[in-house]
Amino acid sequence: MTRAFLQADDLRDLVAEQFGADRRLTALGRLTGGSKKGVYRLGLDDQTTMILYVWAAGENYWPPSQTVPDDPFTDASGAELFAANHAALAAAGVRTPRLLMLDRDGRYLDADLALVEDAGALRLEALMERDPAAAAAPLSALGDAVRRMHTTFSPHYGKLAAIARGEASQTRRTEDIIVDRALGQLDAAATRDVRLADAHDRIAGHVRYLRSAVTAREAYGLVHGELGPDHVLVTAAGEAVMIDFEGLAYFDVEWDHAWLQMRFGDAYPALRPVDLDPRRLELYRYAQVLSLIEGPLRIADTDFPDRQWMLDLAEWNITKALAAV
């Protein structure tokens, strides 16, 4: 598809209504890294800046996939989820960009919009690589935030907006949702890679073996879904600010910790995790390996601008998946 990103003239009405008719947009930059929504930094003539999120078809690089109603991690994008999740994180005492404006009525563009505080461009990931000592304080603050999330419980799992509407099915056990998801991703990836096709039955058997050791659970914590140091901004004051939280859900906290262990590596212990079920963690860790094969291979079939990065990510995880069987 031909992608037409925002231009300054597209935002004239938004700027006038939100900041005053005498304000002028002097800078507009589309930030890299987003694959489901557009992220733009706006600069005004009074030197203030803010971030605009845009949920529109032209901003979403992911090809359509089946939405599974009781899987909180499918189709986790959109202004409704952003608003509900922003409020839940605020209630849990988690620092996120302050919400300045939410438009789901198409007042300014043919898209849902959220205007939020500009918390800066420095990501915790970059700070950890450049200056580990300076990263220690925001890393510790992030650990505090994650523990507050993971000790905020619900008897129901699912997307927060679906739970609030009474539409979050509780029919399957959470570990079975993840197993079915992982096996579906394996099937899809095996059509793209002969090594996975040859090892399909061994991989599927390993997933089912890991599932067999997991016992039932009836309380769920607040999880981000894919929290890494690239999803945390560090302000000039050293605050850790969580972003990209449309996938927030009530679910097993081991799902977050499988991701945290992978993304934070040697720095993971600094997050001071809550007590975890090691068997559930092992299942979820392997399921995420399969997810990081299928997803990157699927988006690499599109016009995503950094296709090779996605292929390299898939290759890394293919090696990990095969090594386990």
C-alpha atoms as a PDB file:
ATOM      1  CA  MET A   1       0.000   0.000   0.000  1.00  0.00           C
ATOM      2  CA  THR A   2       1.060   3.604  -0.512  1.00  0.00           C
ATOM      3  CA  ARG A   3       1.669   5.245   2.869  1.00  0.00           C
ATOM      4  CA  ALA A   4       1.018   8.945   3.319  1.00  0.00           C
ATOM      5  CA  PHE A   5       2.227  10.204   6.673  1.00  0.00           C
ATOM      6  CA  LEU A   6       1.079  13.372   8.427  1.00  0.00           C
ATOM      7  CA  GLN A   7       2.082  16.793   7.175  1.00  0.00           C
ATOM      8  CA  ALA A   8       1.997  20.060   9.132  1.00  0.00           C
ATOM      9  CA  ASP A   9      -1.155  21.275   7.367  1.00  0.00           C
ATOM     10  CA  ASP A  10      -3.033  18.182   8.567  1.00  0.00           C
ATOM     11  CA  LEU A  11      -2.653  19.357  12.175  1.00  0.00           C
ATOM     12  CA  ARG A  12      -3.639  23.008  11.811  1.00  0.00           C
ATOM     13  CA  ASP A  13      -7.064  22.584  13.439  1.00  0.00           C
ATOM     14  CA  LEU A  14      -5.701  20.412  16.241  1.00  0.00           C
ATOM     15  CA  VAL A  15      -2.996  22.939  17.133  1.00  0.00           C
ATOM     16  CA  ALA A  16      -5.408  25.877  17.025  1.00  0.00           C
ATOM     17  CA  GLU A  17      -8.037  24.192  19.195  1.00  0.00           C
ATOM     18  CA  GLN A  18      -5.684  22.593  21.696  1.00  0.00           C
ATOM     19  CA  PHE A  19      -3.090  25.343  22.078  1.00  0.00           C
ATOM     20  CA  GLY A  20      -4.706  28.534  20.789  1.00  0.00           C
ATOM     21  CA  ALA A  21      -5.184  30.208  17.436  1.00  0.00           C
ATOM     22  CA  ASP A  22      -1.970  32.179  17.907  1.00  0.00           C
ATOM     23  CA  ARG A  23       0.189  29.053  18.230  1.00  0.00           C
ATOM     24  CA  ARG A  24       2.046  27.735  15.196  1.00  0.00           C
ATOM     25  CA  LEU A  25       3.474  24.311  14.484  1.00  0.00           C
ATOM     26  CA  THR A  26       7.184  24.728  13.704  1.00  0.00           C
ATOM     27  CA  ALA A  27       8.361  21.114  13.699  1.00  0.00           C
ATOM     28  CA  LEU A  28       6.801  17.769  12.893  1.00  0.00           C
ATOM     29  CA  GLY A  29       8.794  14.562  12.941  1.00  0.00           C
ATOM     30  CA  ARG A  30       7.627  10.976  12.600  1.00  0.00           C
ATOM     31  CA  LEU A  31       9.533   8.845  15.094  1.00  0.00           C
ATOM     32  CA  THR A  32      10.918   5.482  14.049  1.00  0.00           C
ATOM     33  CA  GLY A  33      10.284   2.164  15.733  1.00  0.00           C
ATOM     34  CA  GLY A  34       6.490   2.027  15.759  1.00  0.00           C
ATOM     35  CA  SER A  35       4.841  -0.694  13.686  1.00  0.00           C
ATOM     36  CA  LYS A  36       1.162  -0.502  14.753  1.00  0.00           C
ATOM     37  CA  LYS A  37       0.617   3.240  15.209  1.00  0.00           C
ATOM     38  CA  GLY A  38       2.230   6.464  14.064  1.00  0.00           C
ATOM     39  CA  VAL A  39       4.246   8.386  16.640  1.00  0.00           C
ATOM     40  CA  TYR A  40       4.992  12.048  15.906  1.00  0.00           C
ATOM     41  CA  ARG A  41       6.850  14.739  17.825  1.00  0.00           C
ATOM     42  CA  LEU A  42       5.210  18.170  17.481  1.00  0.00           C
ATOM     43  CA  GLY A  43       7.091  21.392  18.133  1.00  0.00           C
ATOM     44  CA  LEU A  44       5.351  24.743  18.637  1.00  0.00           C
ATOM     45  CA  ASP A  45       6.632  28.280  18.216  1.00  0.00           C
ATOM     46  CA  ASP A  46       6.773  28.743  22.001  1.00  0.00           C
ATOM     47  CA  GLN A  47       9.419  25.964  22.163  1.00  0.00           C
ATOM     48  CA  THR A  48       7.046  23.410  23.716  1.00  0.00           C
ATOM     49  CA  THR A  49       6.906  19.880  22.327  1.00  0.00           C
ATOM     50  CA  MET A  50       4.471  16.995  22.676  1.00  0.00           C
ATOM     51  CA  ILE A  51       3.898  13.552  21.190  1.00  0.00           C
ATOM     52  CA  LEU A  52       0.971  12.599  18.970  1.00  0.00           C
ATOM     53  CA  TYR A  53      -0.139   8.970  18.592  1.00  0.00           C
ATOM     54  CA  VAL A  54      -2.106   8.163  15.437  1.00  0.00           C
ATOM     55  CA  TRP A  55      -4.019   4.909  14.990  1.00  0.00           C
ATOM     56  CA  ALA A  56      -4.718   4.652  11.271  1.00  0.00           C
ATOM     57  CA  ALA A  57      -4.490   1.925   8.655  1.00  0.00           C
ATOM     58  CA  GLY A  58      -1.643   3.714   6.906  1.00  0.00           C
ATOM     59  CA  GLU A  59       0.413   3.730  10.103  1.00  0.00           C
ATOM     60  CA  ASN A  60       0.016  -0.004  10.805  1.00  0.00           C
ATOM     61  CA  TYR A  61       2.567  -2.243   9.077  1.00  0.00           C
ATOM     62  CA  TRP A  62       1.179  -5.514  10.411  1.00  0.00           C
ATOM     63  CA  PRO A  63      -0.811  -7.647   7.970  1.00  0.00           C
ATOM     64  CA  PRO A  64      -4.227  -8.769   9.220  1.00  0.00           C
ATOM     65  CA  SER A  65      -4.277 -11.785  11.506  1.00  0.00           C
ATOM     66  CA  GLN A  66      -6.980 -13.734  13.270  1.00  0.00           C
ATOM     67  CA  THR A  67      -8.275 -12.066  16.436  1.00  0.00           C
ATOM     68  CA  VAL A  68      -8.739 -14.574  19.261  1.00  0.00           C
ATOM     69  CA  PRO A  69     -11.343 -13.105  21.638  1.00  0.00           C
ATOM     70  CA  ASP A  70      -9.901 -14.525  24.865  1.00  0.00           C
ATOM     71  CA  ASP A  71      -6.221 -13.982  23.964  1.00  0.00           C
ATOM     72  CA  PRO A  72      -5.357 -10.544  25.378  1.00  0.00           C
ATOM     73  CA  PHE A  73      -2.238 -10.244  23.240  1.00  0.00           C
ATOM     74  CA  THR A  74      -3.935 -10.434  19.850  1.00  0.00           C
ATOM     75  CA  ASP A  75      -5.031  -7.210  18.163  1.00  0.00           C
ATOM     76  CA  ALA A  76      -3.626  -5.192  21.096  1.00  0.00           C
ATOM     77  CA  SER A  77      -3.728  -1.755  19.545  1.00  0.00           C
ATOM     78  CA  GLY A  78      -6.035   1.243  19.438  1.00  0.00           C
ATOM     79  CA  ALA A  79      -7.134   4.343  21.302  1.00  0.00           C
ATOM     80  CA  GLU A  80      -9.699   2.519  23.450  1.00  0.00           C
ATOM     81  CA  LEU A  81      -7.039   0.213  24.863  1.00  0.00           C
ATOM     82  CA  PHE A  82      -4.617   3.104  25.249  1.00  0.00           C
ATOM     83  CA  ALA A  83      -7.109   5.119  27.316  1.00  0.00           C
ATOM     84  CA  ALA A  84      -8.180   2.245  29.573  1.00  0.00           C
ATOM     85  CA  ASN A  85      -4.612   1.098  30.116  1.00  0.00           C
ATOM     86  CA  HIS A  86      -3.298   4.598  30.767  1.00  0.00           C
ATOM     87  CA  ALA A  87      -5.871   5.012  33.540  1.00  0.00           C
ATOM     88  CA  ALA A  88      -5.045   1.616  35.055  1.00  0.00           C
ATOM     89  CA  LEU A  89      -1.328   2.319  35.137  1.00  0.00           C
ATOM     90  CA  ALA A  90      -1.943   5.699  36.759  1.00  0.00           C
ATOM     91  CA  ALA A  91      -4.093   4.007  39.418  1.00  0.00           C
ATOM     92  CA  ALA A  92      -1.252   1.534  40.049  1.00  0.00           C
ATOM     93  CA  GLY A  93       1.220   4.387  40.496  1.00  0.00           C
ATOM     94  CA  VAL A  94       3.136   3.731  37.281  1.00  0.00           C
ATOM     95  CA  ARG A  95       4.665   6.739  35.518  1.00  0.00           C
ATOM     96  CA  THR A  96       3.510   7.100  31.910  1.00  0.00           C
ATOM     97  CA  PRO A  97       3.400  10.130  29.580  1.00  0.00           C
ATOM     98  CA  ARG A  98       0.684  12.508  30.800  1.00  0.00           C
ATOM     99  CA  LEU A  99      -2.400  12.369  28.588  1.00  0.00           C
ATOM    100  CA  LEU A 100      -3.246  15.804  27.155  1.00  0.00           C
ATOM    101  CA  MET A 101      -6.011  14.941  24.699  1.00  0.00           C
ATOM    102  CA  LEU A 102      -7.799  11.866  23.360  1.00  0.00           C
ATOM    103  CA  ASP A 103      -9.895  11.978  20.192  1.00  0.00           C
ATOM    104  CA  ARG A 104     -11.862   8.932  19.108  1.00  0.00           C
ATOM    105  CA  ASP A 105     -14.490  10.934  17.176  1.00  0.00           C
ATOM    106  CA  GLY A 106     -12.427  12.012  14.151  1.00  0.00           C
ATOM    107  CA  ARG A 107     -12.527  15.697  15.090  1.00  0.00           C
ATOM    108  CA  TYR A 108      -9.164  16.425  13.485  1.00  0.00           C
ATOM    109  CA  LEU A 109      -8.231  13.460  11.285  1.00  0.00           C
ATOM    110  CA  ASP A 110      -9.767  10.294   9.933  1.00  0.00           C
ATOM    111  CA  ALA A 111      -8.024   8.416  12.743  1.00  0.00           C
ATOM    112  CA  ASP A 112      -8.024   8.018  16.502  1.00  0.00           C
ATOM    113  CA  LEU A 113      -5.528  10.310  18.225  1.00  0.00           C
ATOM    114  CA  ALA A 114      -3.869  10.780  21.587  1.00  0.00           C
ATOM    115  CA  LEU A 115      -1.762  13.809  22.444  1.00  0.00           C
ATOM    116  CA  VAL A 116       0.641  13.143  25.296  1.00  0.00           C
ATOM    117  CA  GLU A 117       3.520  14.705  27.184  1.00  0.00           C
ATOM    118  CA  ASP A 118       6.893  14.583  25.478  1.00  0.00           C
ATOM    119  CA  ALA A 119       8.972  12.648  28.002  1.00  0.00           C
ATOM    120  CA  GLY A 120      12.101  12.992  25.867  1.00  0.00           C
ATOM    121  CA  ALA A 121      13.969  10.840  23.399  1.00  0.00           C
ATOM    122  CA  LEU A 122      16.282   8.934  25.746  1.00  0.00           C
ATOM    123  CA  ARG A 123      15.325   5.291  26.082  1.00  0.00           C
ATOM    124  CA  LEU A 124      16.446   3.198  29.036  1.00  0.00           C
ATOM    125  CA  GLU A 125      17.974   0.751  26.562  1.00  0.00           C
ATOM    126  CA  ALA A 126      20.368   3.391  25.237  1.00  0.00           C
ATOM    127  CA  LEU A 127      21.232   4.645  28.721  1.00  0.00           C
ATOM    128  CA  MET A 128      22.012   1.103  29.936  1.00  0.00           C
ATOM    129  CA  GLU A 129      24.430   0.659  27.045  1.00  0.00           C
ATOM    130  CA  ARG A 130      26.052   4.107  27.329  1.00  0.00           C
ATOM    131  CA  ASP A 131      26.182   4.678  31.073  1.00  0.00           C
ATOM    132  CA  PRO A 132      25.138   1.728  33.265  1.00  0.00           C
ATOM    133  CA  ALA A 133      25.758   3.735  36.452  1.00  0.00           C
ATOM    134  CA  ALA A 134      23.338   6.473  35.349  1.00  0.00           C
ATOM    135  CA  ALA A 135      20.813   3.788  34.364  1.00  0.00           C
ATOM    136  CA  ALA A 136      20.777   2.241  37.850  1.00  0.00           C
ATOM    137  CA  ALA A 137      18.259   4.667  39.383  1.00  0.00           C
ATOM    138  CA  PRO A 138      15.658   4.544  36.564  1.00  0.00           C
ATOM    139  CA  LEU A 139      16.127   0.772  36.373  1.00  0.00           C
ATOM    140  CA  SER A 140      15.350   0.512  40.088  1.00  0.00           C
ATOM    141  CA  ALA A 141      12.336   2.799  39.665  1.00  0.00           C
ATOM    142  CA  LEU A 142      11.126   0.598  36.819  1.00  0.00           C
ATOM    143  CA  GLY A 143      11.451  -2.431  39.092  1.00  0.00           C
ATOM    144  CA  ASP A 144       9.258  -0.684  41.667  1.00  0.00           C
ATOM    145  CA  ALA A 145       6.668   0.092  38.977  1.00  0.00           C
ATOM    146  CA  VAL A 146       6.667  -3.466  37.656  1.00  0.00           C
ATOM    147  CA  ARG A 147       6.153  -4.869  41.152  1.00  0.00           C
ATOM    148  CA  ARG A 148       3.215  -2.517  41.699  1.00  0.00           C
ATOM    149  CA  MET A 149       1.714  -3.813  38.461  1.00  0.00           C
ATOM    150  CA  HIS A 150       2.378  -7.439  39.273  1.00  0.00           C
ATOM    151  CA  THR A 151       0.798  -7.115  42.708  1.00  0.00           C
ATOM    152  CA  THR A 152      -2.340  -5.454  41.309  1.00  0.00           C
ATOM    153  CA  PHE A 153      -4.609  -8.480  40.990  1.00  0.00           C
ATOM    154  CA  SER A 154      -7.856  -9.446  39.287  1.00  0.00           C
ATOM    155  CA  PRO A 155      -9.849 -12.690  39.403  1.00  0.00           C
ATOM    156  CA  HIS A 156     -10.317 -12.292  35.630  1.00  0.00           C
ATOM    157  CA  TYR A 157      -7.745 -12.299  32.840  1.00  0.00           C
ATOM    158  CA  GLY A 158      -7.895 -10.356  29.587  1.00  0.00           C
ATOM    159  CA  LYS A 159      -7.724  -6.900  28.093  1.00  0.00           C
ATOM    160  CA  LEU A 160      -8.796  -4.274  30.627  1.00  0.00           C
ATOM    161  CA  ALA A 161     -11.388  -2.750  28.318  1.00  0.00           C
ATOM    162  CA  ALA A 162     -12.938  -6.178  27.674  1.00  0.00           C
ATOM    163  CA  ILE A 163     -13.068  -6.974  31.395  1.00  0.00           C
ATOM    164  CA  ALA A 164     -14.739  -3.612  32.086  1.00  0.00           C
ATOM    165  CA  ARG A 165     -17.411  -4.391  29.473  1.00  0.00           C
ATOM    166  CA  GLY A 166     -17.940  -7.909  30.849  1.00  0.00           C
ATOM    167  CA  GLU A 167     -16.723  -9.353  27.544  1.00  0.00           C
ATOM    168  CA  ALA A 168     -13.555 -11.129  28.664  1.00  0.00           C
ATOM    169  CA  SER A 169     -14.170 -14.863  28.256  1.00  0.00           C
ATOM    170  CA  GLN A 170     -12.765 -16.990  31.065  1.00  0.00           C
ATOM    171  CA  THR A 171     -13.393 -20.360  29.407  1.00  0.00           C
ATOM    172  CA  ARG A 172      -9.813 -21.451  28.800  1.00  0.00           C
ATOM    173  CA  ARG A 173      -6.934 -21.536  31.236  1.00  0.00           C
ATOM    174  CA  THR A 174      -4.294 -18.915  30.534  1.00  0.00           C
ATOM    175  CA  GLU A 175      -1.588 -21.490  29.854  1.00  0.00           C
ATOM    176  CA  ASP A 176      -3.842 -23.138  27.261  1.00  0.00           C
ATOM    177  CA  ILE A 177      -4.331 -19.807  25.516  1.00  0.00           C
ATOM    178  CA  ILE A 178      -0.554 -19.503  25.256  1.00  0.00           C
ATOM    179  CA  VAL A 179      -0.117 -23.095  24.077  1.00  0.00           C
ATOM    180  CA  ASP A 180      -2.756 -22.749  21.359  1.00  0.00           C
ATOM    181  CA  ARG A 181      -1.216 -19.444  20.330  1.00  0.00           C
ATOM    182  CA  ALA A 182       2.282 -20.946  20.191  1.00  0.00           C
ATOM    183  CA  LEU A 183       1.159 -23.956  18.146  1.00  0.00           C
ATOM    184  CA  GLY A 184      -0.670 -21.693  15.704  1.00  0.00           C
ATOM    185  CA  GLN A 185       2.441 -19.548  15.332  1.00  0.00           C
ATOM    186  CA  LEU A 186       4.532 -22.675  14.785  1.00  0.00           C
ATOM    187  CA  ASP A 187       2.170 -23.808  12.016  1.00  0.00           C
ATOM    188  CA  ALA A 188       2.407 -20.425  10.311  1.00  0.00           C
ATOM    189  CA  ALA A 189       6.194 -20.155  10.635  1.00  0.00           C
ATOM    190  CA  ALA A 190       6.726 -23.701   9.380  1.00  0.00           C
ATOM    191  CA  THR A 191       5.241 -22.692   6.018  1.00  0.00           C
ATOM    192  CA  ARG A 192       8.014 -20.096   5.691  1.00  0.00           C
ATOM    193  CA  ASP A 193      11.031 -22.071   6.916  1.00  0.00           C
ATOM    194  CA  VAL A 194      11.898 -25.679   6.033  1.00  0.00           C
ATOM    195  CA  ARG A 195      13.859 -26.215   9.251  1.00  0.00           C
ATOM    196  CA  LEU A 196      10.759 -25.504  11.298  1.00  0.00           C
ATOM    197  CA  ALA A 197       8.669 -27.704   9.024  1.00  0.00           C
ATOM    198  CA  ASP A 198      11.086 -30.601   9.552  1.00  0.00           C
ATOM    199  CA  ALA A 199      11.106 -30.061  13.342  1.00  0.00           C
ATOM    200  CA  HIS A 200       7.395 -29.223  13.635  1.00  0.00           C
ATOM    201  CA  ASP A 201       6.305 -32.304  15.552  1.00  0.00           C
ATOM    202  CA  ARG A 202       9.278 -32.178  17.931  1.00  0.00           C
ATOM    203  CA  ILE A 203       8.650 -28.498  18.700  1.00  0.00           C
ATOM    204  CA  ALA A 204       4.909 -29.053  19.203  1.00  0.00           C
ATOM    205  CA  GLY A 205       5.663 -31.981  21.489  1.00  0.00           C
ATOM    206  CA  HIS A 206       8.039 -29.836  23.533  1.00  0.00           C
ATOM    207  CA  VAL A 207       5.359 -27.151  23.950  1.00  0.00           C
ATOM    208  CA  ARG A 208       2.857 -29.743  25.160  1.00  0.00           C
ATOM    209  CA  TYR A 209       5.433 -31.259  27.521  1.00  0.00           C
ATOM    210  CA  LEU A 210       6.086 -27.847  29.097  1.00  0.00           C
ATOM    211  CA  ARG A 211       2.335 -27.301  29.421  1.00  0.00           C
ATOM    212  CA  SER A 212       1.853 -30.615  31.231  1.00  0.00           C
ATOM    213  CA  ALA A 213       3.905 -29.389  34.206  1.00  0.00           C
ATOM    214  CA  VAL A 214       1.846 -26.207  34.773  1.00  0.00           C
ATOM    215  CA  THR A 215      -0.845 -26.157  37.467  1.00  0.00           C
ATOM    216  CA  ALA A 216      -4.009 -24.045  37.438  1.00  0.00           C
ATOM    217  CA  ARG A 217      -4.181 -20.451  38.662  1.00  0.00           C
ATOM    218  CA  GLU A 218      -7.118 -18.171  39.535  1.00  0.00           C
ATOM    219  CA  ALA A 219      -5.624 -14.692  40.120  1.00  0.00           C
ATOM    220  CA  TYR A 220      -3.858 -12.519  37.585  1.00  0.00           C
ATOM    221  CA  GLY A 221      -1.549  -9.514  37.758  1.00  0.00           C
ATOM    222  CA  LEU A 222      -1.336  -6.434  35.588  1.00  0.00           C
ATOM    223  CA  VAL A 223       1.167  -7.139  32.804  1.00  0.00           C
ATOM    224  CA  HIS A 224       2.596  -4.942  30.051  1.00  0.00           C
ATOM    225  CA  GLY A 225       2.915  -7.726  27.499  1.00  0.00           C
ATOM    226  CA  GLU A 226       6.264  -6.857  25.897  1.00  0.00           C
ATOM    227  CA  LEU A 227       8.134  -4.663  28.340  1.00  0.00           C
ATOM    228  CA  GLY A 228      11.755  -4.095  27.399  1.00  0.00           C
ATOM    229  CA  PRO A 229      14.207  -1.244  27.985  1.00  0.00           C
ATOM    230  CA  ASP A 230      13.152   0.152  24.594  1.00  0.00           C
ATOM    231  CA  HIS A 231       9.657   0.702  26.026  1.00  0.00           C
ATOM    232  CA  VAL A 232      10.901   2.912  28.859  1.00  0.00           C
ATOM    233  CA  LEU A 233      11.887   6.561  28.462  1.00  0.00           C
ATOM    234  CA  VAL A 234      14.173   8.330  30.926  1.00  0.00           C
ATOM    235  CA  THR A 235      13.343  11.993  31.516  1.00  0.00           C
ATOM    236  CA  ALA A 236      15.868  14.748  32.174  1.00  0.00           C
ATOM    237  CA  ALA A 237      14.980  14.346  35.870  1.00  0.00           C
ATOM    238  CA  GLY A 238      15.807  10.624  35.713  1.00  0.00           C
ATOM    239  CA  GLU A 239      12.215   9.333  35.845  1.00  0.00           C
ATOM    240  CA  ALA A 240      11.414   5.992  34.200  1.00  0.00           C
ATOM    241  CA  VAL A 241       8.373   6.486  31.939  1.00  0.00           C
ATOM    242  CA  MET A 242       6.591   3.423  30.547  1.00  0.00           C
ATOM    243  CA  ILE A 243       5.294   3.603  26.956  1.00  0.00           C
ATOM    244  CA  ASP A 244       3.718   1.297  24.333  1.00  0.00           C
ATOM    245  CA  PHE A 245       1.273  -0.232  26.784  1.00  0.00           C
ATOM    246  CA  GLU A 246      -1.716  -0.983  24.548  1.00  0.00           C
ATOM    247  CA  GLY A 247      -1.053  -4.663  25.269  1.00  0.00           C
ATOM    248  CA  LEU A 248      -1.622  -4.172  29.006  1.00  0.00           C
ATOM    249  CA  ALA A 249      -3.763  -6.969  30.419  1.00  0.00           C
ATOM    250  CA  TYR A 250      -4.532  -8.975  33.494  1.00  0.00           C
ATOM    251  CA  PHE A 251      -2.602 -12.176  32.975  1.00  0.00           C
ATOM    252  CA  ASP A 252       0.088 -14.390  34.463  1.00  0.00           C
ATOM    253  CA  VAL A 253       3.015 -12.228  35.566  1.00  0.00           C
ATOM    254  CA  GLU A 254       5.374 -14.924  34.262  1.00  0.00           C
ATOM    255  CA  TRP A 255       4.477 -13.753  30.761  1.00  0.00           C
ATOM    256  CA  ASP A 256       6.029 -10.362  31.544  1.00  0.00           C
ATOM    257  CA  HIS A 257       9.020 -11.897  33.300  1.00  0.00           C
ATOM    258  CA  ALA A 258       9.837 -14.231  30.427  1.00  0.00           C
ATOM    259  CA  TRP A 259      10.048 -11.115  28.275  1.00  0.00           C
ATOM    260  CA  LEU A 260      11.901  -9.081  30.911  1.00  0.00           C
ATOM    261  CA  GLN A 261      14.544 -11.779  31.353  1.00  0.00           C
ATOM    262  CA  MET A 262      15.143 -11.888  27.614  1.00  0.00           C
ATOM    263  CA  ARG A 263      15.226  -8.122  27.081  1.00  0.00           C
ATOM    264  CA  PHE A 264      17.134  -6.998  30.187  1.00  0.00           C
ATOM    265  CA  GLY A 265      19.630  -9.858  30.280  1.00  0.00           C
ATOM    266  CA  ASP A 266      22.289  -9.408  32.954  1.00  0.00           C
ATOM    267  CA  ALA A 267      20.428  -6.349  34.313  1.00  0.00           C
ATOM    268  CA  TYR A 268      17.236  -8.320  35.001  1.00  0.00           C
ATOM    269  CA  PRO A 269      17.971  -8.981  38.721  1.00  0.00           C
ATOM    270  CA  ALA A 270      18.006  -5.214  39.307  1.00  0.00           C
ATOM    271  CA  LEU A 271      14.242  -5.278  38.698  1.00  0.00           C
ATOM    272  CA  ARG A 272      13.851  -7.360  41.884  1.00  0.00           C
ATOM    273  CA  PRO A 273      11.064  -9.594  40.571  1.00  0.00           C
ATOM    274  CA  VAL A 274       8.162 -11.008  42.544  1.00  0.00           C
ATOM    275  CA  ASP A 275       7.972 -14.754  43.252  1.00  0.00           C
ATOM    276  CA  LEU A 276       7.369 -16.711  40.059  1.00  0.00           C
ATOM    277  CA  ASP A 277       6.227 -20.198  39.043  1.00  0.00           C
ATOM    278  CA  PRO A 278       9.327 -21.652  37.307  1.00  0.00           C
ATOM    279  CA  ARG A 279       7.345 -24.164  35.234  1.00  0.00           C
ATOM    280  CA  ARG A 280       4.934 -21.544  33.924  1.00  0.00           C
ATOM    281  CA  LEU A 281       7.890 -19.257  33.248  1.00  0.00           C
ATOM    282  CA  GLU A 282       9.634 -21.947  31.197  1.00  0.00           C
ATOM    283  CA  LEU A 283       6.529 -22.545  29.081  1.00  0.00           C
ATOM    284  CA  TYR A 284       6.031 -18.859  28.437  1.00  0.00           C
ATOM    285  CA  ARG A 285       9.702 -18.317  27.644  1.00  0.00           C
ATOM    286  CA  TYR A 286       9.568 -20.946  24.888  1.00  0.00           C
ATOM    287  CA  ALA A 287       6.217 -19.668  23.596  1.00  0.00           C
ATOM    288  CA  GLN A 288       7.750 -16.220  23.205  1.00  0.00           C
ATOM    289  CA  VAL A 289      10.597 -17.695  21.159  1.00  0.00           C
ATOM    290  CA  LEU A 290       8.000 -19.047  18.705  1.00  0.00           C
ATOM    291  CA  SER A 291       6.210 -15.693  18.692  1.00  0.00           C
ATOM    292  CA  LEU A 292       9.488 -13.968  17.834  1.00  0.00           C
ATOM    293  CA  ILE A 293       9.826 -16.212  14.813  1.00  0.00           C
ATOM    294  CA  GLU A 294       6.316 -16.006  13.383  1.00  0.00           C
ATOM    295  CA  GLY A 295       5.726 -12.292  13.953  1.00  0.00           C
ATOM    296  CA  PRO A 296       8.965 -11.051  12.388  1.00  0.00           C
ATOM    297  CA  LEU A 297       8.612 -13.408   9.411  1.00  0.00           C
ATOM    298  CA  ARG A 298       5.075 -12.153   8.850  1.00  0.00           C
ATOM    299  CA  ILE A 299       5.930  -8.459   8.998  1.00  0.00           C
ATOM    300  CA  ALA A 300       9.001  -9.065   6.812  1.00  0.00           C
ATOM    301  CA  ASP A 301       6.564  -9.949   4.027  1.00  0.00           C
ATOM    302  CA  THR A 302       5.256  -6.359   4.076  1.00  0.00           C
ATOM    303  CA  ASP A 303       6.828  -2.982   3.268  1.00  0.00           C
ATOM    304  CA  PHE A 304       8.135  -2.567   6.827  1.00  0.00           C
ATOM    305  CA  PRO A 305      11.202  -0.315   6.432  1.00  0.00           C
ATOM    306  CA  ASP A 306      13.649  -2.424   8.478  1.00  0.00           C
ATOM    307  CA  ARG A 307      12.897  -5.825   6.966  1.00  0.00           C
ATOM    308  CA  GLN A 308      16.374  -7.263   7.518  1.00  0.00           C
ATOM    309  CA  TRP A 309      16.216  -6.534  11.251  1.00  0.00           C
ATOM    310  CA  MET A 310      13.039  -8.606  11.424  1.00  0.00           C
ATOM    311  CA  LEU A 311      14.594 -11.458   9.471  1.00  0.00           C
ATOM    312  CA  ASP A 312      17.638 -11.440  11.758  1.00  0.00           C
ATOM    313  CA  LEU A 313      15.366 -11.518  14.825  1.00  0.00           C
ATOM    314  CA  ALA A 314      13.488 -14.501  13.414  1.00  0.00           C
ATOM    315  CA  GLU A 315      16.739 -16.310  12.620  1.00  0.00           C
ATOM    316  CA  TRP A 316      18.055 -15.799  16.149  1.00  0.00           C
ATOM    317  CA  ASN A 317      14.910 -17.329  17.589  1.00  0.00           C
ATOM    318  CA  ILE A 318      14.776 -20.190  15.083  1.00  0.00           C
ATOM    319  CA  THR A 319      18.161 -21.216  16.434  1.00  0.00           C
ATOM    320  CA  LYS A 320      16.826 -21.064  20.018  1.00  0.00           C
ATOM    321  CA  ALA A 321      13.665 -23.024  19.170  1.00  0.00           C
ATOM    322  CA  LEU A 322      15.594 -25.818  17.472  1.00  0.00           C
ATOM    323  CA  ALA A 323      18.210 -26.005  20.224  1.00  0.00           C
ATOM    324  CA  ALA A 324      15.501 -26.965  22.750  1.00  0.00           C
ATOM    325  CA  VAL A 325      14.417 -30.051  20.794  1.00  0.00           C
END
